[in-house]
Each structure stands twice: as C-alpha cells, then as structure tokens.
C-alpha atoms as a PDB file:
ATOM      1  CA  MET A   1     126.012  55.213 158.203  1.00  0.00           C
ATOM      2  CA  ARG A   2     123.895  58.238 157.250  1.00  0.00           C
ATOM      3  CA  LYS A   3     122.004  56.079 154.754  1.00  0.00           C
ATOM      4  CA  LEU A   4     121.270  53.533 157.466  1.00  0.00           C
ATOM      5  CA  ILE A   5     119.711  56.016 159.907  1.00  0.00           C
ATOM      6  CA  PRO A   6     116.472  56.611 157.902  1.00  0.00           C
ATOM      7  CA  LEU A   7     116.129  52.843 157.428  1.00  0.00           C
ATOM      8  CA  MET A   8     116.585  52.235 161.149  1.00  0.00           C
ATOM      9  CA  ILE A   9     113.946  54.877 161.983  1.00  0.00           C
ATOM     10  CA  SER A  10     111.505  53.373 159.497  1.00  0.00           C
ATOM     11  CA  PHE A  11     112.042  49.882 160.925  1.00  0.00           C
ATOM     12  CA  ALA A  12     111.504  51.147 164.470  1.00  0.00           C
ATOM     13  CA  ALA A  13     108.268  52.872 163.424  1.00  0.00           C
ATOM     14  CA  VAL A  14     106.950  49.649 161.876  1.00  0.00           C
ATOM     15  CA  VAL A  15     107.806  47.642 164.996  1.00  0.00           C
ATOM     16  CA  LEU A  16     106.130  50.283 167.197  1.00  0.00           C
ATOM     17  CA  PHE A  17     102.957  50.201 165.098  1.00  0.00           C
ATOM     18  CA  LEU A  18     102.699  46.417 165.073  1.00  0.00           C
ATOM     19  CA  SER A  19     103.414  45.953 168.781  1.00  0.00           C
ATOM     20  CA  PRO A  20     100.344  45.690 171.093  1.00  0.00           C
ATOM     21  CA  ILE A  21     101.206  48.458 173.558  1.00  0.00           C
ATOM     22  CA  PRO A  22      98.820  48.830 176.515  1.00  0.00           C
ATOM     23  CA  VAL A  23      97.563  52.399 176.831  1.00  0.00           C
ATOM     24  CA  LYS A  24      95.225  54.242 179.147  1.00  0.00           C
ATOM     25  CA  ALA A  25      91.575  53.547 178.339  1.00  0.00           C
ATOM     26  CA  GLY A  26      90.073  56.128 175.986  1.00  0.00           C
ATOM     27  CA  SER A  27      88.020  58.856 177.638  1.00  0.00           C
ATOM     28  CA  VAL A  28      85.136  58.311 175.201  1.00  0.00           C
ATOM     29  CA  GLU A  29      84.899  54.645 176.159  1.00  0.00           C
ATOM     30  CA  GLU A  30      85.255  55.500 179.849  1.00  0.00           C
ATOM     31  CA  ALA A  31      82.221  57.792 179.478  1.00  0.00           C
ATOM     32  CA  ARG A  32      80.237  55.009 177.768  1.00  0.00           C
ATOM     33  CA  ILE A  33      80.998  52.673 180.666  1.00  0.00           C
ATOM     34  CA  ASP A  34      79.926  55.317 183.191  1.00  0.00           C
ATOM     35  CA  ARG A  35      76.652  56.095 181.374  1.00  0.00           C
ATOM     36  CA  ALA A  36      75.775  52.410 181.136  1.00  0.00           C
ATOM     37  CA  ALA A  37      76.548  51.865 184.825  1.00  0.00           C
ATOM     38  CA  ALA A  38      74.441  54.872 185.865  1.00  0.00           C
ATOM     39  CA  TYR A  39      71.410  53.725 183.872  1.00  0.00           C
ATOM     40  CA  PHE A  40      71.624  50.147 185.109  1.00  0.00           C
ATOM     41  CA  GLN A  41      71.810  51.379 188.697  1.00  0.00           C
ATOM     42  CA  GLU A  42      68.831  53.649 188.047  1.00  0.00           C
ATOM     43  CA  ILE A  43      66.590  50.914 186.659  1.00  0.00           C
ATOM     44  CA  MET A  44      67.618  48.447 189.368  1.00  0.00           C
ATOM     45  CA  SER A  45      66.742  51.004 192.054  1.00  0.00           C
ATOM     46  CA  SER A  46      63.282  51.700 190.665  1.00  0.00           C
ATOM     47  CA  GLY A  47      61.362  49.234 192.832  1.00  0.00           C
ATOM     48  CA  ASP A  48      58.417  47.666 191.026  1.00  0.00           C
ATOM     49  CA  HIS A  49      59.751  48.899 187.675  1.00  0.00           C
ATOM     50  CA  GLY A  50      63.056  47.086 188.087  1.00  0.00           C
ATOM     51  CA  ILE A  51      64.102  43.881 186.375  1.00  0.00           C
ATOM     52  CA  PRO A  52      62.872  40.858 188.360  1.00  0.00           C
ATOM     53  CA  LYS A  53      65.371  38.643 190.150  1.00  0.00           C
ATOM     54  CA  GLU A  54      64.104  35.600 188.250  1.00  0.00           C
ATOM     55  CA  VAL A  55      65.001  37.250 184.937  1.00  0.00           C
ATOM     56  CA  LEU A  56      68.508  38.158 186.073  1.00  0.00           C
ATOM     57  CA  ASP A  57      69.180  34.794 187.711  1.00  0.00           C
ATOM     58  CA  SER A  58      68.763  33.018 184.377  1.00  0.00           C
ATOM     59  CA  ALA A  59      70.368  35.718 182.206  1.00  0.00           C
ATOM     60  CA  THR A  60      73.177  34.659 179.876  1.00  0.00           C
ATOM     61  CA  GLY A  61      74.090  38.221 178.938  1.00  0.00           C
ATOM     62  CA  ILE A  62      73.110  41.843 179.555  1.00  0.00           C
ATOM     63  CA  ALA A  63      73.461  44.751 177.126  1.00  0.00           C
ATOM     64  CA  ILE A  64      72.975  48.332 178.348  1.00  0.00           C
ATOM     65  CA  ILE A  65      72.400  50.977 175.673  1.00  0.00           C
ATOM     66  CA  PRO A  66      71.681  54.437 177.120  1.00  0.00           C
ATOM     67  CA  GLY A  67      70.762  57.440 175.010  1.00  0.00           C
ATOM     68  CA  ILE A  68      69.487  55.746 171.852  1.00  0.00           C
ATOM     69  CA  VAL A  69      68.686  58.584 169.459  1.00  0.00           C
ATOM     70  CA  ASN A  70      65.856  58.622 166.951  1.00  0.00           C
ATOM     71  CA  SER A  71      67.423  60.174 163.865  1.00  0.00           C
ATOM     72  CA  PRO A  72      65.701  61.215 160.616  1.00  0.00           C
ATOM     73  CA  GLY A  73      68.922  60.162 158.926  1.00  0.00           C
ATOM     74  CA  PHE A  74      68.019  56.555 159.654  1.00  0.00           C
ATOM     75  CA  GLY A  75      64.527  56.765 158.193  1.00  0.00           C
ATOM     76  CA  LEU A  76      61.144  56.883 159.895  1.00  0.00           C
ATOM     77  CA  GLY A  77      61.603  55.660 163.436  1.00  0.00           C
ATOM     78  CA  GLY A  78      65.263  54.818 162.738  1.00  0.00           C
ATOM     79  CA  SER A  79      67.669  54.954 165.639  1.00  0.00           C
ATOM     80  CA  ILE A  80      71.256  54.480 166.612  1.00  0.00           C
ATOM     81  CA  GLY A  81      72.837  53.824 169.994  1.00  0.00           C
ATOM     82  CA  GLU A  82      76.079  52.807 171.666  1.00  0.00           C
ATOM     83  CA  GLY A  83      76.356  50.610 174.714  1.00  0.00           C
ATOM     84  CA  VAL A  84      78.172  48.052 176.810  1.00  0.00           C
ATOM     85  CA  MET A  85      77.576  44.325 177.246  1.00  0.00           C
ATOM     86  CA  VAL A  86      78.680  41.481 179.519  1.00  0.00           C
ATOM     87  CA  VAL A  87      78.258  37.711 179.103  1.00  0.00           C
ATOM     88  CA  ARG A  88      77.764  35.068 181.787  1.00  0.00           C
ATOM     89  CA  GLN A  89      80.740  32.721 181.979  1.00  0.00           C
ATOM     90  CA  ALA A  90      80.788  29.012 182.851  1.00  0.00           C
ATOM     91  CA  ASP A  91      81.699  29.870 186.469  1.00  0.00           C
ATOM     92  CA  GLU A  92      78.581  32.125 186.683  1.00  0.00           C
ATOM     93  CA  LYS A  93      80.689  35.311 186.819  1.00  0.00           C
ATOM     94  CA  TRP A  94      80.258  38.127 184.324  1.00  0.00           C
ATOM     95  CA  SER A  95      82.828  38.649 181.605  1.00  0.00           C
ATOM     96  CA  ASN A  96      84.802  41.829 181.167  1.00  0.00           C
ATOM     97  CA  PRO A  97      82.613  44.487 179.502  1.00  0.00           C
ATOM     98  CA  PHE A  98      82.793  45.000 175.760  1.00  0.00           C
ATOM     99  CA  PHE A  99      81.320  47.688 173.533  1.00  0.00           C
ATOM    100  CA  ILE A 100      78.399  47.323 171.139  1.00  0.00           C
ATOM    101  CA  GLY A 101      76.410  49.453 168.726  1.00  0.00           C
ATOM    102  CA  LEU A 102      72.695  49.261 167.847  1.00  0.00           C
ATOM    103  CA  THR A 103      70.932  50.420 164.703  1.00  0.00           C
ATOM    104  CA  SER A 104      67.227  49.997 164.034  1.00  0.00           C
ATOM    105  CA  SER A 105      64.571  51.262 161.653  1.00  0.00           C
ATOM    106  CA  ASN A 106      61.644  50.036 163.732  1.00  0.00           C
ATOM    107  CA  LEU A 107      61.646  51.648 167.177  1.00  0.00           C
ATOM    108  CA  GLY A 108      58.334  53.445 166.843  1.00  0.00           C
ATOM    109  CA  LEU A 109      59.743  56.819 167.899  1.00  0.00           C
ATOM    110  CA  GLN A 110      58.473  59.379 165.435  1.00  0.00           C
ATOM    111  CA  THR A 111      60.061  62.598 166.721  1.00  0.00           C
ATOM    112  CA  GLY A 112      63.546  63.383 165.457  1.00  0.00           C
ATOM    113  CA  GLY A 113      66.062  63.731 168.277  1.00  0.00           C
ATOM    114  CA  GLU A 114      63.933  61.817 170.818  1.00  0.00           C
ATOM    115  CA  THR A 115      66.033  59.531 172.983  1.00  0.00           C
ATOM    116  CA  HIS A 116      65.457  56.530 175.194  1.00  0.00           C
ATOM    117  CA  ASP A 117      67.535  54.094 177.226  1.00  0.00           C
ATOM    118  CA  THR A 118      67.394  50.337 176.820  1.00  0.00           C
ATOM    119  CA  ILE A 119      68.596  47.214 178.601  1.00  0.00           C
ATOM    120  CA  LEU A 120      68.546  43.891 176.780  1.00  0.00           C
ATOM    121  CA  VAL A 121      68.562  40.783 178.983  1.00  0.00           C
ATOM    122  CA  PHE A 122      69.591  37.650 177.089  1.00  0.00           C
ATOM    123  CA  GLU A 123      67.929  34.485 178.364  1.00  0.00           C
ATOM    124  CA  THR A 124      69.352  31.911 175.931  1.00  0.00           C
ATOM    125  CA  ARG A 125      72.762  31.144 174.447  1.00  0.00           C
ATOM    126  CA  ARG A 126      71.378  31.620 170.927  1.00  0.00           C
ATOM    127  CA  GLY A 127      71.683  35.390 171.184  1.00  0.00           C
ATOM    128  CA  ILE A 128      75.108  35.236 172.818  1.00  0.00           C
ATOM    129  CA  ASP A 129      76.446  33.041 170.014  1.00  0.00           C
ATOM    130  CA  ALA A 130      75.162  35.521 167.429  1.00  0.00           C
ATOM    131  CA  VAL A 131      76.777  38.452 169.257  1.00  0.00           C
ATOM    132  CA  ARG A 132      80.084  36.590 169.435  1.00  0.00           C
ATOM    133  CA  SER A 133      79.950  36.154 165.670  1.00  0.00           C
ATOM    134  CA  GLY A 134      79.946  39.962 165.430  1.00  0.00           C
ATOM    135  CA  LYS A 135      76.330  40.712 164.504  1.00  0.00           C
ATOM    136  CA  LEU A 136      72.907  39.950 165.978  1.00  0.00           C
ATOM    137  CA  SER A 137      69.606  40.700 164.208  1.00  0.00           C
ATOM    138  CA  LEU A 138      66.892  41.148 166.839  1.00  0.00           C
ATOM    139  CA  GLY A 139      63.650  39.456 165.900  1.00  0.00           C
ATOM    140  CA  VAL A 140      65.450  37.376 163.272  1.00  0.00           C
ATOM    141  CA  ASP A 141      68.310  35.549 164.988  1.00  0.00           C
ATOM    142  CA  VAL A 142      66.444  35.691 168.310  1.00  0.00           C
ATOM    143  CA  SER A 143      62.959  36.410 169.609  1.00  0.00           C
ATOM    144  CA  ILE A 144      62.614  39.639 171.601  1.00  0.00           C
ATOM    145  CA  ILE A 145      59.731  40.994 173.706  1.00  0.00           C
ATOM    146  CA  GLN A 146      59.167  43.620 176.363  1.00  0.00           C
ATOM    147  CA  GLY A 147      60.438  42.159 179.627  1.00  0.00           C
ATOM    148  CA  PRO A 148      58.361  41.533 182.747  1.00  0.00           C
ATOM    149  CA  THR A 149      58.775  43.921 185.681  1.00  0.00           C
ATOM    150  CA  GLY A 150      58.154  43.773 189.402  1.00  0.00           C
ATOM    151  CA  ARG A 151      59.688  41.919 192.285  1.00  0.00           C
ATOM    152  CA  HIS A 152      58.167  38.585 191.260  1.00  0.00           C
ATOM    153  CA  ALA A 153      56.959  38.347 187.695  1.00  0.00           C
ATOM    154  CA  GLY A 154      56.056  35.591 185.300  1.00  0.00           C
ATOM    155  CA  MET A 155      58.605  34.556 182.696  1.00  0.00           C
ATOM    156  CA  PRO A 156      57.123  34.711 179.189  1.00  0.00           C
ATOM    157  CA  GLY A 157      59.219  32.695 176.773  1.00  0.00           C
ATOM    158  CA  ALA A 158      61.708  34.711 174.686  1.00  0.00           C
ATOM    159  CA  ASP A 159      65.410  34.732 173.859  1.00  0.00           C
ATOM    160  CA  VAL A 160      65.777  38.404 174.821  1.00  0.00           C
ATOM    161  CA  TYR A 161      63.799  40.701 177.134  1.00  0.00           C
ATOM    162  CA  SER A 162      63.852  44.433 176.426  1.00  0.00           C
ATOM    163  CA  TYR A 163      63.523  47.170 179.077  1.00  0.00           C
ATOM    164  CA  SER A 164      63.288  50.765 177.851  1.00  0.00           C
ATOM    165  CA  SER A 165      62.582  54.185 179.310  1.00  0.00           C
ATOM    166  CA  SER A 166      62.358  57.703 177.931  1.00  0.00           C
ATOM    167  CA  ARG A 167      62.885  60.651 180.281  1.00  0.00           C
ATOM    168  CA  GLY A 168      62.330  58.340 183.232  1.00  0.00           C
ATOM    169  CA  ILE A 169      59.045  56.925 181.887  1.00  0.00           C
ATOM    170  CA  TYR A 170      59.119  53.219 181.095  1.00  0.00           C
ATOM    171  CA  THR A 171      57.945  52.413 177.598  1.00  0.00           C
ATOM    172  CA  GLY A 172      57.367  49.296 175.532  1.00  0.00           C
ATOM    173  CA  VAL A 173      59.661  50.137 172.629  1.00  0.00           C
ATOM    174  CA  SER A 174      59.898  47.427 169.987  1.00  0.00           C
ATOM    175  CA  LEU A 175      63.430  46.551 168.935  1.00  0.00           C
ATOM    176  CA  GLY A 176      62.415  43.982 166.331  1.00  0.00           C
ATOM    177  CA  GLY A 177      64.511  44.641 163.253  1.00  0.00           C
ATOM    178  CA  GLY A 178      67.362  46.130 165.254  1.00  0.00           C
ATOM    179  CA  VAL A 179      70.930  45.047 164.558  1.00  0.00           C
ATOM    180  CA  LEU A 180      73.435  44.706 167.383  1.00  0.00           C
ATOM    181  CA  ARG A 181      77.128  44.750 166.413  1.00  0.00           C
ATOM    182  CA  VAL A 182      80.355  44.417 168.353  1.00  0.00           C
ATOM    183  CA  ASP A 183      82.223  47.757 168.360  1.00  0.00           C
ATOM    184  CA  SER A 184      85.754  46.515 167.729  1.00  0.00           C
ATOM    185  CA  THR A 185      87.183  50.028 167.416  1.00  0.00           C
ATOM    186  CA  ALA A 186      85.944  51.013 170.868  1.00  0.00           C
ATOM    187  CA  ASN A 187      87.165  47.727 172.353  1.00  0.00           C
ATOM    188  CA  THR A 188      90.653  48.321 170.946  1.00  0.00           C
ATOM    189  CA  SER A 189      90.715  51.881 172.281  1.00  0.00           C
ATOM    190  CA  TYR A 190      89.503  50.834 175.723  1.00  0.00           C
ATOM    191  CA  TYR A 191      91.732  47.804 176.253  1.00  0.00           C
ATOM    192  CA  GLY A 192      94.715  49.268 174.410  1.00  0.00           C
ATOM    193  CA  ASP A 193      95.564  46.200 172.345  1.00  0.00           C
ATOM    194  CA  ARG A 194      95.034  45.996 168.585  1.00  0.00           C
ATOM    195  CA  LYS A 195      95.207  42.202 168.676  1.00  0.00           C
ATOM    196  CA  MET A 196      92.667  41.771 171.481  1.00  0.00           C
ATOM    197  CA  GLY A 197      89.442  40.442 169.983  1.00  0.00           C
ATOM    198  CA  LEU A 198      86.092  39.727 171.609  1.00  0.00           C
ATOM    199  CA  ASN A 199      87.024  36.170 172.602  1.00  0.00           C
ATOM    200  CA  SER A 200      90.070  37.452 174.488  1.00  0.00           C
ATOM    201  CA  ILE A 201      87.956  40.066 176.283  1.00  0.00           C
ATOM    202  CA  LEU A 202      85.395  37.477 177.326  1.00  0.00           C
ATOM    203  CA  ALA A 203      88.083  35.049 178.468  1.00  0.00           C
ATOM    204  CA  GLY A 204      89.905  37.764 180.412  1.00  0.00           C
ATOM    205  CA  THR A 205      93.200  36.958 178.705  1.00  0.00           C
ATOM    206  CA  GLY A 206      94.140  40.549 177.953  1.00  0.00           C
ATOM    207  CA  LYS A 207      97.098  42.272 179.568  1.00  0.00           C
ATOM    208  CA  TYR A 208      94.927  44.379 181.839  1.00  0.00           C
ATOM    209  CA  THR A 209      91.377  45.528 182.557  1.00  0.00           C
ATOM    210  CA  PRO A 210      90.832  49.268 183.157  1.00  0.00           C
ATOM    211  CA  ALA A 211      89.633  50.226 186.634  1.00  0.00           C
ATOM    212  CA  SER A 212      86.306  51.456 185.259  1.00  0.00           C
ATOM    213  CA  GLY A 213      85.716  48.006 183.745  1.00  0.00           C
ATOM    214  CA  ILE A 214      86.350  46.344 187.099  1.00  0.00           C
ATOM    215  CA  ARG A 215      83.935  48.770 188.809  1.00  0.00           C
ATOM    216  CA  PHE A 216      81.323  48.082 186.134  1.00  0.00           C
ATOM    217  CA  ASN A 217      81.728  44.333 186.610  1.00  0.00           C
ATOM    218  CA  CYS A 218      81.312  44.730 190.375  1.00  0.00           C
ATOM    219  CA  LEU A 219      78.130  46.769 189.882  1.00  0.00           C
ATOM    220  CA  MET A 220      76.699  44.058 187.649  1.00  0.00           C
ATOM    221  CA  ALA A 221      77.622  41.395 190.187  1.00  0.00           C
ATOM    222  CA  HIS A 222      75.970  43.355 192.999  1.00  0.00           C
ATOM    223  CA  PHE A 223      72.624  43.833 191.249  1.00  0.00           C
ATOM    224  CA  THR A 224      72.461  40.479 189.489  1.00  0.00           C
ATOM    225  CA  TYR A 225      73.469  38.316 192.413  1.00  0.00           C
ATOM    226  CA  ALA A 226      76.411  36.858 190.525  1.00  0.00           C
ATOM    227  CA  PRO A 227      79.687  36.002 192.323  1.00  0.00           C
ATOM    228  CA  SER A 228      82.766  38.096 191.570  1.00  0.00           C
ATOM    229  CA  SER A 229      86.244  37.611 192.981  1.00  0.00           C
ATOM    230  CA  ALA A 230      87.146  41.211 192.081  1.00  0.00           C
ATOM    231  CA  CYS A 231      84.617  42.815 194.472  1.00  0.00           C
END
C-alpha cells in the first residue's frame, strides 16, 4: 500500500495538470483590458479627432495597442507593444476580446523610451484571416495607412486604418513592417483554459468570459454602434 501512495499522488498531479480548470483572470491581463478600454474611450470622446462612424460601421476588427514603447533593443525606431483585439462576427456583434502583441522596426520614433498609443481598424477580411492564422505582417499581408478623422470623412481604400497618438497629440505613425501576433499565453491566463485557442475565443465556446471582458465588449458595442445582447 505504501508503494502505491506515491504512484497515486503522481497520477493525480498529471490529471490535475492536464485538466482545463477555469481560474480567475490574471491581473496582468485584466490591466491590459482596462488600458485598452481607457484609450479607446479617450479617442472616441475626442470630437473631430475621433474615428469616423463610417469607418467603424464597416470595420471587421479593431485592435487597441496602448503604450507602444520605442526601444533601442529593437533597433532604430524599433518598438514593441501589447494590446487587445475584437473581431466582427456574422451576426454583427463583436467577439470576445483576445490578446495580441506588436513588434516593428519602422515606427519612425527616434527617441528611446518614447511611447505612443495605437488603434488599428480592419476594413477587410484579409487582415482578420491573417490574424487568425497567428501572425499578420502589416504592409505585406495587408495595406495600412493613417486613418481618416472627423465626424464625416472620406474613406481612402486600405485594408487597415491606423490611429496613433503620443502624449495626447495625434500623430501619423507608420506601422508598415510591423508584425501582429496572437498572444496565446495571455489568452490562456485570462480565460483560464489551456485548451482554449483563438477560434474558441472568437466563437464564444469557452466555459466563461471574465467580467472585464464583458465590460470591454459592451464599451466596443456602445462606441461602434454594434448590437450586443450582453449590454
């Protein structure tokens, strides 16, 4: 019997590790959600500098990346940032939020430590399909330009519109050459399920959505005029 006890403990540990146990959303990911929500609310409340309704009405996805840092470690003008993204579903509602990371060597910011905030508005499914594959190269997989602003603006043709600001001043930062990746580690930590991939998050088939994710989804619905049964 004594010989069986260590074996039983080892078996239980393996079962525990392999089982998808829901846990409370990680505090780091909660903070990322809150920062993204705050910046989106800020830019949408900025009047003539906000994102036009026409742009949002036709959006297929929105990525919010606050606090992108220009780091000498990434080369001249190189930057890294972490953000949150949602995708428009077939019923016009936004998906559950998922986490992304951005790296770029061509942001045009020359001072080490300088930061800026960015929102990427996806206008075609081409970019969404690339994101769902796990990696999107801006300017390669999709075309990207600085987005129009104002209450009623023209719609120049592009797959992705970029909106950036630094210390509250709106700037035309180029993200061509940037690489957007799905942050699977953060998604696992936030949703508490090792087996929950991006497709499950987008389909809403996970065991639960943290309250902060529901609030974020409601905020997006409010400012982008999209229906949401949760709000």
